[in-house]
Every structure is written in C-alpha cells, then in structure tokens.
Protein backbone atom coordinates (compact mmCIF):
# COMPACT_ATOMS: atom_id res chain seq x y z
CA UNK A 1 71.13 -96.90 76.11
CA UNK A 2 67.60 -95.50 75.88
CA UNK A 3 65.04 -95.61 73.06
CA UNK A 4 62.45 -92.85 72.82
CA UNK A 5 59.65 -94.45 70.81
CA UNK A 6 57.16 -92.58 68.67
CA UNK A 7 58.49 -89.02 68.96
CA UNK A 8 58.71 -85.85 66.93
CA UNK A 9 62.29 -85.27 65.81
CA UNK A 10 63.64 -82.01 64.37
CA UNK A 11 66.91 -81.23 62.64
CA UNK A 12 67.92 -77.55 62.39
CA UNK A 13 71.00 -76.11 60.71
CA UNK A 14 72.56 -72.64 61.04
CA UNK A 15 72.68 -70.99 57.61
CA UNK A 16 75.88 -69.23 56.57
CA UNK A 17 77.99 -70.74 59.32
CA UNK A 18 80.80 -71.79 56.97
CA UNK A 19 81.05 -68.21 55.69
CA UNK A 20 81.32 -66.93 59.26
CA UNK A 21 84.23 -69.33 59.86
CA UNK A 22 86.09 -67.99 56.82
CA UNK A 23 85.36 -64.27 57.33
CA UNK A 24 85.60 -63.76 61.11
CA UNK A 25 88.24 -64.67 63.69
CA UNK A 26 87.38 -67.92 65.49
CA UNK A 27 87.01 -66.06 68.80
CA UNK A 28 84.30 -63.82 67.27
CA UNK A 29 82.46 -66.81 65.80
CA UNK A 30 82.70 -68.57 69.16
CA UNK A 31 81.35 -65.53 71.03
CA UNK A 32 78.42 -65.13 68.63
CA UNK A 33 77.53 -68.83 68.47
CA UNK A 34 78.04 -69.58 72.18
CA UNK A 35 75.76 -66.63 73.02
CA UNK A 36 73.09 -68.13 70.76
CA UNK A 37 73.54 -71.61 72.29
CA UNK A 38 73.35 -70.24 75.85
CA UNK A 39 70.17 -68.30 75.06
CA UNK A 40 68.62 -71.30 73.29
CA UNK A 41 69.37 -73.63 76.19
CA UNK A 42 68.15 -71.17 78.81
CA UNK A 43 64.89 -70.29 77.08
CA UNK A 44 63.86 -73.49 75.29
CA UNK A 45 65.65 -76.63 76.52
CA UNK A 46 64.39 -76.69 80.07
CA UNK A 47 61.09 -76.06 81.86
CA UNK A 48 58.23 -74.95 79.65
CA UNK A 49 56.83 -71.48 80.22
CA UNK A 50 53.64 -71.47 82.28
CA UNK A 51 53.91 -75.13 83.27
CA UNK A 52 54.44 -75.77 86.99
CA UNK A 53 54.88 -79.53 86.64
CA UNK A 54 58.54 -79.35 85.62
CA UNK A 55 57.96 -80.67 82.10
CA UNK A 56 60.54 -79.72 79.48
CA UNK A 57 60.05 -78.80 75.83
CA UNK A 58 62.40 -81.57 74.67
CA UNK A 59 63.22 -85.09 75.82
CA UNK A 60 66.57 -84.68 74.05
CA UNK A 61 68.42 -81.69 72.59
CA UNK A 62 71.97 -81.64 71.25
CA UNK A 63 74.04 -79.12 69.29
CA UNK A 64 76.47 -80.69 66.78
CA UNK A 65 78.81 -78.16 65.21
CA UNK A 66 76.39 -75.80 63.41
CA UNK A 67 73.33 -78.04 63.71
CA UNK A 68 70.80 -78.96 66.38
CA UNK A 69 68.74 -82.11 66.93
CA UNK A 70 65.72 -82.00 69.25
CA UNK A 71 63.28 -84.74 70.23
CA UNK A 72 59.83 -84.31 71.76
CA UNK A 73 58.42 -85.79 74.91
CA UNK A 74 55.60 -88.34 74.53
CA UNK A 75 53.32 -87.29 71.66
CA UNK A 76 50.18 -88.80 73.12
CA UNK A 77 49.99 -85.62 75.24
CA UNK A 78 48.81 -82.60 73.24
CA UNK A 79 50.73 -80.31 75.60
CA UNK A 80 54.04 -81.96 74.66
CA UNK A 81 53.41 -81.58 70.92
CA UNK A 82 52.40 -77.93 71.28
CA UNK A 83 55.35 -77.04 73.50
CA UNK A 84 57.74 -78.83 71.10
CA UNK A 85 56.47 -76.78 68.12
CA UNK A 86 56.44 -73.57 70.21
CA UNK A 87 60.03 -74.19 71.35
CA UNK A 88 61.21 -74.71 67.76
CA UNK A 89 59.35 -71.53 66.85
CA UNK A 90 61.30 -69.70 69.56
CA UNK A 91 64.62 -71.25 68.43
CA UNK A 92 63.91 -69.93 64.91
CA UNK A 93 63.23 -66.46 66.37
CA UNK A 94 66.42 -66.50 68.46
CA UNK A 95 68.45 -67.57 65.42
CA UNK A 96 66.90 -64.83 63.30
CA UNK A 97 67.52 -62.07 65.86
CA UNK A 98 71.08 -63.36 66.49
CA UNK A 99 71.91 -63.26 62.76
CA UNK A 100 72.27 -67.04 62.85
CA UNK A 101 69.20 -68.04 60.83
CA UNK A 102 68.03 -71.64 61.08
CA UNK A 103 66.56 -73.97 58.51
CA UNK A 104 65.22 -77.42 59.18
CA UNK A 105 62.54 -80.05 59.22
CA UNK A 106 60.35 -81.93 61.70
CA UNK A 107 59.59 -85.63 61.33
CA UNK A 108 58.24 -88.54 63.34
CA UNK A 109 59.96 -91.72 64.48
CA UNK A 110 61.97 -93.50 67.15
CA UNK A 111 65.15 -92.08 68.64
CA UNK A 112 68.02 -94.01 70.29
CA UNK A 113 70.35 -92.33 72.78
CA UNK A 114 73.62 -93.87 74.01
CA UNK A 115 74.97 -91.24 76.41
CA UNK A 116 78.07 -93.27 77.33
CA UNK A 117 79.31 -93.14 73.74
CA UNK A 118 77.58 -89.86 72.77
CA UNK A 119 75.66 -91.68 70.02
CA UNK A 120 72.15 -90.87 68.93
CA UNK A 121 70.29 -92.46 66.05
CA UNK A 122 66.96 -92.18 64.31
CA UNK A 123 65.63 -93.59 61.07
CA UNK A 124 64.19 -90.09 60.42
CA UNK A 125 67.48 -88.15 60.58
CA UNK A 126 68.71 -88.84 57.00
CA UNK A 127 65.36 -87.67 55.57
CA UNK A 128 65.34 -84.55 57.78
CA UNK A 129 68.92 -83.63 56.87
CA UNK A 130 68.20 -84.12 53.16
CA UNK A 131 65.05 -81.99 53.30
CA UNK A 132 66.91 -79.26 55.19
CA UNK A 133 69.53 -79.07 52.44
CA UNK A 134 66.87 -78.82 49.68
CA UNK A 135 65.16 -75.72 51.07
CA UNK A 136 65.91 -72.23 49.72
CA UNK A 137 64.77 -70.15 52.70
CA UNK A 138 65.00 -69.67 56.43
CA UNK A 139 62.37 -71.78 58.14
CA UNK A 140 61.33 -75.21 59.36
CA UNK A 141 58.97 -77.53 57.49
CA UNK A 142 56.88 -80.41 58.78
CA UNK A 143 57.01 -83.77 57.00
CA UNK A 144 53.64 -85.02 55.77
CA UNK A 145 54.05 -88.14 57.93
CA UNK A 146 53.51 -86.09 61.10
CA UNK A 147 51.41 -83.14 59.91
CA UNK A 148 48.08 -84.70 60.98
CA UNK A 149 49.41 -85.29 64.50
CA UNK A 150 50.61 -81.69 64.75
CA UNK A 151 47.47 -80.20 63.17
CA UNK A 152 45.22 -82.11 65.57
CA UNK A 153 47.33 -81.11 68.58
CA UNK A 154 47.35 -77.41 67.72
CA UNK A 155 43.92 -76.91 66.14
CA UNK A 156 41.86 -79.91 67.22
CA UNK A 157 40.40 -82.25 64.63
CA UNK A 158 41.32 -80.82 61.22
CA UNK A 159 42.82 -81.75 57.87
CA UNK A 160 45.22 -80.25 55.36
CA UNK A 161 42.27 -79.17 53.19
CA UNK A 162 41.07 -76.88 56.00
CA UNK A 163 44.11 -74.66 55.33
CA UNK A 164 43.70 -74.06 51.61
CA UNK A 165 41.53 -70.95 51.91
CA UNK A 166 41.78 -69.62 55.45
CA UNK A 167 44.92 -69.17 57.52
CA UNK A 168 45.21 -66.97 60.57
CA UNK A 169 48.31 -64.78 60.55
CA UNK A 170 49.38 -65.73 64.07
CA UNK A 171 48.92 -69.51 63.78
CA UNK A 172 51.86 -71.60 64.94
CA UNK A 173 52.03 -73.29 61.55
CA UNK A 174 51.09 -72.25 58.02
CA UNK A 175 50.56 -74.16 54.79
CA UNK A 176 52.90 -72.46 52.30
CA UNK A 177 54.73 -73.01 49.02
CA UNK A 178 58.17 -73.91 50.34
CA UNK A 179 60.95 -72.94 47.92
CA UNK A 180 63.13 -75.95 47.20
CA UNK A 181 66.24 -76.15 45.03
CA UNK A 182 64.37 -77.84 42.16
CA UNK A 183 60.78 -76.61 42.65
CA UNK A 184 58.43 -75.46 45.36
CA UNK A 185 56.20 -77.78 47.35
CA UNK A 186 53.14 -77.00 49.46
CA UNK A 187 54.09 -77.95 53.01
CA UNK A 188 53.32 -76.94 56.55
CA UNK A 189 55.98 -74.75 58.10
CA UNK A 190 56.45 -73.32 61.56
CA UNK A 191 55.37 -69.66 61.55
CA UNK A 192 58.21 -68.13 63.56
CA UNK A 193 57.69 -64.48 62.64
CA UNK A 194 54.41 -63.90 64.45
CA UNK A 195 56.13 -62.27 67.45
C-alpha cells in the first residue's frame, strides 16, 4: 500500500459511452476506445515532453470502464503542477479528436493505492465524480480548493480577481461560466481547444 499525500487528483469521464455500447457492435466500441487509451497512455502517461530527467506527468493513472483517474506528482514542484494540467489538456484534446469527449474535474487531496488488490481511494473522488455529473458541457473544471495552487504554478503570484477582465486566449486555464444542470457557476476550466 502507498499513500500519495497532498496531490492534485482528476476524474474524467467519456461522454456518450453508454450510447456507443447500445448502437455499435462491441468490437467496434473496443477498437475505438482501445485506440484512444493507447494514444492517451503513449502521449500523456509517461515521460513529459521536453524533460530529460525521466519525470512523468502522473504519479498514478488508471482507466476504469469509461472513466479515468489521474494523480499528480508532488505539487511543491511547479513543473509537476504544470505538466499535470498540460497532460489533462492533451487528454481532453485526444478525446475530442477521437469522438470520445471527456468531462471532469480536478481537486486536491491524498490518494491511497493498493496495487495488490487494485484498490485506490481518495477523499476527493466522490466530490469530483459528483461535479463531473453536474456539468452540461465537454471540459474539465478546477475545484476552488486547488485553484490558487494551480494559478500560482501557471501564472506566478495571482488571484481569481486577476481573471475577471483580462484572459489570454491561449492560457492553459480560463475563468468561465460553467454550465451546470441547475445553474451556471464561474469556475476555472482547462482550456483544451487552444491547439
């Protein structure tokens, strides 16, 4: 058993997967989804682009049916936070171009891994899953509990109020009105369409 303390944790879900299962033969769904998984693992799970130290984007990454859980490396290193957000950005792009759009949320907490029993736990997962289900779009939001950490890692010392008037189109994250099932809420979201 291993506990990863004080990490960013993301939960992502493939939208429309149930419909694929009911409208396409299982072999076709498998081919489409396994191609997406292989591309995601090859391009985002392992060594970070441009880093010669052998660091990875994620300390943990696991597909579960039509969902994915990823956990950052130590967040006291700005590089790890930035590469974690950039890798999620790229996962969102791959999902979009593969016609397997993703929706999810990023939070902050501890993460327990028991590889012998294939168990992983985090106090953040229920909140992330619930927030994923509430959204009415394709994208990934950032919980307020970790937005300051992410803002400071990407932009240096800054606050939420710095984003009310000026946002650069190609920023890794944007402050937007996120459409939720009951209302919209101003939240930071990963800007995955700046390719």
